[in-house]
Amino acid sequence: MILEWEGGQRFRASTPAGSQVLDGERVAGASPTDALLAALAACMGIDIVDILRKGRQELKACRIESSGTRRDTPPRRFTGVHLMIEVKGSNLNYDKVQRAVELSRTTYCSVWNSMAPDIDLVVEVRVINREPKQTQGNRP
């Protein structure tokens, strides 16, 4: 990855897959701390989706809301992170979803496991099961 200053508090992060702007003023892009929350949510989301698919769960959607609490004084690092993970599908097993979240948190998510170990991580899980759509047609 290459990071280049674009003026003010803006930097462009470039990888072979593309680029994004990070902006400490949150005008042209996400702040670095917002990007960290997004990276954490994405890392856990990737793990959760992968684990549930391998477990043959009928997953249709995954949405994660993230927020954090930071110190008031420098370094203004995170002291707490809250994730609300919502998965939607058909016949989803709540225990399997919880297990996928726990495996991501304890084993697979490299972003979470790179953060300070004293950060309080609160994860809420919402599972929404939708009935399979009925097909209309002639019945035998």
C-alpha atoms as a PDB file:
ATOM      1  CA  MET A   1       0.000   0.000   0.000  1.00  0.00           C
ATOM      2  CA  ILE A   2       1.123   3.534  -0.747  1.00  0.00           C
ATOM      3  CA  LEU A   3      -0.139   6.549   1.173  1.00  0.00           C
ATOM      4  CA  GLU A   4       0.187  10.006  -0.415  1.00  0.00           C
ATOM      5  CA  TRP A   5      -0.645  13.361   1.115  1.00  0.00           C
ATOM      6  CA  GLU A   6      -3.164  15.379  -0.917  1.00  0.00           C
ATOM      7  CA  GLY A   7      -3.217  18.501   1.269  1.00  0.00           C
ATOM      8  CA  GLY A   8      -4.863  19.478   4.514  1.00  0.00           C
ATOM      9  CA  GLN A   9      -5.557  16.290   6.449  1.00  0.00           C
ATOM     10  CA  ARG A  10      -6.265  14.245   3.292  1.00  0.00           C
ATOM     11  CA  PHE A  11      -4.268  11.219   2.215  1.00  0.00           C
ATOM     12  CA  ARG A  12      -4.898   8.766  -0.617  1.00  0.00           C
ATOM     13  CA  ALA A  13      -4.256   5.108   0.199  1.00  0.00           C
ATOM     14  CA  SER A  14      -3.537   3.103  -2.946  1.00  0.00           C
ATOM     15  CA  THR A  15      -3.340  -0.645  -3.372  1.00  0.00           C
ATOM     16  CA  PRO A  16      -3.238  -2.739  -6.546  1.00  0.00           C
ATOM     17  CA  ALA A  17      -7.029  -3.174  -6.147  1.00  0.00           C
ATOM     18  CA  GLY A  18      -7.851   0.548  -5.976  1.00  0.00           C
ATOM     19  CA  SER A  19      -7.632   3.607  -3.766  1.00  0.00           C
ATOM     20  CA  GLN A  20      -9.530   5.522  -1.138  1.00  0.00           C
ATOM     21  CA  VAL A  21      -9.198   8.899   0.523  1.00  0.00           C
ATOM     22  CA  LEU A  22      -8.723   9.196   4.258  1.00  0.00           C
ATOM     23  CA  ASP A  23      -9.497  12.624   5.657  1.00  0.00           C
ATOM     24  CA  GLY A  24      -8.940  13.704   9.242  1.00  0.00           C
ATOM     25  CA  GLU A  25     -11.581  16.415   8.683  1.00  0.00           C
ATOM     26  CA  ARG A  26     -14.118  13.863   7.311  1.00  0.00           C
ATOM     27  CA  VAL A  27     -14.810  16.000   4.238  1.00  0.00           C
ATOM     28  CA  ALA A  28     -13.313  14.065   1.309  1.00  0.00           C
ATOM     29  CA  GLY A  29     -13.395  10.637   2.945  1.00  0.00           C
ATOM     30  CA  ALA A  30     -13.520   8.653   6.138  1.00  0.00           C
ATOM     31  CA  SER A  31     -11.279   9.626   9.031  1.00  0.00           C
ATOM     32  CA  PRO A  32      -8.563   7.114   9.895  1.00  0.00           C
ATOM     33  CA  THR A  33     -10.500   6.052  13.005  1.00  0.00           C
ATOM     34  CA  ASP A  34     -13.718   5.632  10.992  1.00  0.00           C
ATOM     35  CA  ALA A  35     -11.723   3.567   8.494  1.00  0.00           C
ATOM     36  CA  LEU A  36     -10.485   1.403  11.371  1.00  0.00           C
ATOM     37  CA  LEU A  37     -14.066   0.739  12.491  1.00  0.00           C
ATOM     38  CA  ALA A  38     -15.004  -0.052   8.891  1.00  0.00           C
ATOM     39  CA  ALA A  39     -12.024  -2.399   8.563  1.00  0.00           C
ATOM     40  CA  LEU A  40     -13.021  -4.189  11.773  1.00  0.00           C
ATOM     41  CA  ALA A  41     -16.648  -4.539  10.640  1.00  0.00           C
ATOM     42  CA  ALA A  42     -15.570  -5.758   7.197  1.00  0.00           C
ATOM     43  CA  CYS A  43     -13.079  -8.254   8.608  1.00  0.00           C
ATOM     44  CA  MET A  44     -15.633  -9.746  10.982  1.00  0.00           C
ATOM     45  CA  GLY A  45     -18.315  -9.632   8.303  1.00  0.00           C
ATOM     46  CA  ILE A  46     -16.144 -11.564   5.857  1.00  0.00           C
ATOM     47  CA  ASP A  47     -15.462 -14.200   8.507  1.00  0.00           C
ATOM     48  CA  ILE A  48     -19.102 -14.500   9.560  1.00  0.00           C
ATOM     49  CA  VAL A  49     -20.408 -14.819   5.998  1.00  0.00           C
ATOM     50  CA  ASP A  50     -17.726 -17.374   5.142  1.00  0.00           C
ATOM     51  CA  ILE A  51     -18.363 -19.479   8.255  1.00  0.00           C
ATOM     52  CA  LEU A  52     -22.145 -19.430   7.786  1.00  0.00           C
ATOM     53  CA  ARG A  53     -21.907 -20.373   4.118  1.00  0.00           C
ATOM     54  CA  LYS A  54     -19.559 -23.238   4.934  1.00  0.00           C
ATOM     55  CA  GLY A  55     -22.101 -24.301   7.568  1.00  0.00           C
ATOM     56  CA  ARG A  56     -24.759 -24.395   4.846  1.00  0.00           C
ATOM     57  CA  GLN A  57     -26.779 -21.586   6.358  1.00  0.00           C
ATOM     58  CA  GLU A  58     -29.163 -19.882   3.904  1.00  0.00           C
ATOM     59  CA  LEU A  59     -27.701 -16.387   4.313  1.00  0.00           C
ATOM     60  CA  LYS A  60     -29.161 -13.613   2.148  1.00  0.00           C
ATOM     61  CA  ALA A  61     -27.770 -10.450   3.763  1.00  0.00           C
ATOM     62  CA  CYS A  62     -25.333  -9.237   6.398  1.00  0.00           C
ATOM     63  CA  ARG A  63     -25.281  -5.672   7.748  1.00  0.00           C
ATOM     64  CA  ILE A  64     -22.973  -4.366  10.455  1.00  0.00           C
ATOM     65  CA  GLU A  65     -23.269  -1.060  12.293  1.00  0.00           C
ATOM     66  CA  SER A  66     -20.144   0.005  14.145  1.00  0.00           C
ATOM     67  CA  SER A  67     -19.381   2.734  16.652  1.00  0.00           C
ATOM     68  CA  GLY A  68     -16.619   3.413  19.083  1.00  0.00           C
ATOM     69  CA  THR A  69     -15.778   5.240  22.274  1.00  0.00           C
ATOM     70  CA  ARG A  70     -12.481   7.082  22.380  1.00  0.00           C
ATOM     71  CA  ARG A  71     -10.370   8.697  25.064  1.00  0.00           C
ATOM     72  CA  ASP A  72     -10.767  12.465  25.455  1.00  0.00           C
ATOM     73  CA  THR A  73      -7.011  13.044  25.635  1.00  0.00           C
ATOM     74  CA  PRO A  74      -4.206  11.982  23.283  1.00  0.00           C
ATOM     75  CA  PRO A  75      -3.723   9.379  22.192  1.00  0.00           C
ATOM     76  CA  ARG A  76      -7.470   9.402  21.446  1.00  0.00           C
ATOM     77  CA  ARG A  77      -7.524   5.653  20.972  1.00  0.00           C
ATOM     78  CA  PHE A  78     -10.566   3.461  21.153  1.00  0.00           C
ATOM     79  CA  THR A  79     -11.522   2.235  24.605  1.00  0.00           C
ATOM     80  CA  GLY A  80     -14.704   0.551  23.452  1.00  0.00           C
ATOM     81  CA  VAL A  81     -16.253  -0.686  20.222  1.00  0.00           C
ATOM     82  CA  HIS A  82     -19.857  -1.652  19.603  1.00  0.00           C
ATOM     83  CA  LEU A  83     -20.950  -3.788  16.658  1.00  0.00           C
ATOM     84  CA  MET A  84     -24.550  -4.562  15.728  1.00  0.00           C
ATOM     85  CA  ILE A  85     -24.482  -7.507  13.349  1.00  0.00           C
ATOM     86  CA  GLU A  86     -27.701  -8.236  11.489  1.00  0.00           C
ATOM     87  CA  VAL A  87     -27.993 -11.306   9.301  1.00  0.00           C
ATOM     88  CA  LYS A  88     -30.991 -12.198   7.180  1.00  0.00           C
ATOM     89  CA  GLY A  89     -31.845 -15.446   5.528  1.00  0.00           C
ATOM     90  CA  SER A  90     -34.034 -18.509   5.575  1.00  0.00           C
ATOM     91  CA  ASN A  91     -33.837 -21.069   8.364  1.00  0.00           C
ATOM     92  CA  LEU A  92     -30.823 -19.387   9.989  1.00  0.00           C
ATOM     93  CA  ASN A  93     -29.742 -21.047  13.215  1.00  0.00           C
ATOM     94  CA  TYR A  94     -29.124 -18.419  15.904  1.00  0.00           C
ATOM     95  CA  ASP A  95     -26.534 -20.578  17.705  1.00  0.00           C
ATOM     96  CA  LYS A  96     -24.563 -21.033  14.473  1.00  0.00           C
ATOM     97  CA  VAL A  97     -24.606 -17.279  13.889  1.00  0.00           C
ATOM     98  CA  GLN A  98     -23.370 -16.667  17.448  1.00  0.00           C
ATOM     99  CA  ARG A  99     -20.652 -19.275  16.949  1.00  0.00           C
ATOM    100  CA  ALA A 100     -19.541 -17.618  13.704  1.00  0.00           C
ATOM    101  CA  VAL A 101     -19.278 -14.271  15.506  1.00  0.00           C
ATOM    102  CA  GLU A 102     -17.276 -15.842  18.337  1.00  0.00           C
ATOM    103  CA  LEU A 103     -14.901 -17.626  15.929  1.00  0.00           C
ATOM    104  CA  SER A 104     -14.291 -14.370  14.091  1.00  0.00           C
ATOM    105  CA  ARG A 105     -13.643 -12.509  17.322  1.00  0.00           C
ATOM    106  CA  THR A 106     -11.351 -15.086  18.946  1.00  0.00           C
ATOM    107  CA  THR A 107      -9.617 -16.740  16.010  1.00  0.00           C
ATOM    108  CA  TYR A 108     -10.007 -15.319  12.519  1.00  0.00           C
ATOM    109  CA  CYS A 109     -10.394 -11.526  12.471  1.00  0.00           C
ATOM    110  CA  SER A 110      -6.898 -10.157  12.053  1.00  0.00           C
ATOM    111  CA  VAL A 111      -8.091  -6.562  12.476  1.00  0.00           C
ATOM    112  CA  TRP A 112      -9.667  -7.236  15.882  1.00  0.00           C
ATOM    113  CA  ASN A 113      -6.677  -9.300  16.976  1.00  0.00           C
ATOM    114  CA  SER A 114      -4.337  -6.440  15.967  1.00  0.00           C
ATOM    115  CA  MET A 115      -6.107  -3.922  18.196  1.00  0.00           C
ATOM    116  CA  ALA A 116      -5.249  -3.223  21.840  1.00  0.00           C
ATOM    117  CA  PRO A 117      -6.405  -6.136  24.010  1.00  0.00           C
ATOM    118  CA  ASP A 118      -8.017  -3.869  26.621  1.00  0.00           C
ATOM    119  CA  ILE A 119     -10.624  -2.468  24.213  1.00  0.00           C
ATOM    120  CA  ASP A 120     -14.109  -3.436  25.317  1.00  0.00           C
ATOM    121  CA  LEU A 121     -15.834  -5.080  22.330  1.00  0.00           C
ATOM    122  CA  VAL A 122     -19.606  -5.400  22.591  1.00  0.00           C
ATOM    123  CA  VAL A 123     -21.287  -7.381  19.832  1.00  0.00           C
ATOM    124  CA  GLU A 124     -25.041  -7.605  19.406  1.00  0.00           C
ATOM    125  CA  VAL A 125     -26.508 -10.084  16.954  1.00  0.00           C
ATOM    126  CA  ARG A 126     -29.852  -9.858  15.234  1.00  0.00           C
ATOM    127  CA  VAL A 127     -31.040 -12.801  13.143  1.00  0.00           C
ATOM    128  CA  ILE A 128     -33.952 -12.235  10.788  1.00  0.00           C
ATOM    129  CA  ASN A 129     -35.437 -15.328   9.203  1.00  0.00           C
ATOM    130  CA  ARG A 130     -37.576 -14.832   6.163  1.00  0.00           C
ATOM    131  CA  GLU A 131     -39.928 -17.415   4.847  1.00  0.00           C
ATOM    132  CA  PRO A 132     -38.946 -18.814   1.471  1.00  0.00           C
ATOM    133  CA  LYS A 133     -40.993 -17.283  -1.319  1.00  0.00           C
ATOM    134  CA  GLN A 134     -43.818 -19.464  -2.492  1.00  0.00           C
ATOM    135  CA  THR A 135     -43.883 -20.109  -6.216  1.00  0.00           C
ATOM    136  CA  GLN A 136     -47.216 -19.924  -7.906  1.00  0.00           C
ATOM    137  CA  GLY A 137     -48.213 -22.340 -10.556  1.00  0.00           C
ATOM    138  CA  ASN A 138     -50.151 -25.437 -11.199  1.00  0.00           C
ATOM    139  CA  ARG A 139     -50.206 -27.907  -8.370  1.00  0.00           C
ATOM    140  CA  PRO A 140     -50.269 -31.594  -9.224  1.00  0.00           C
END
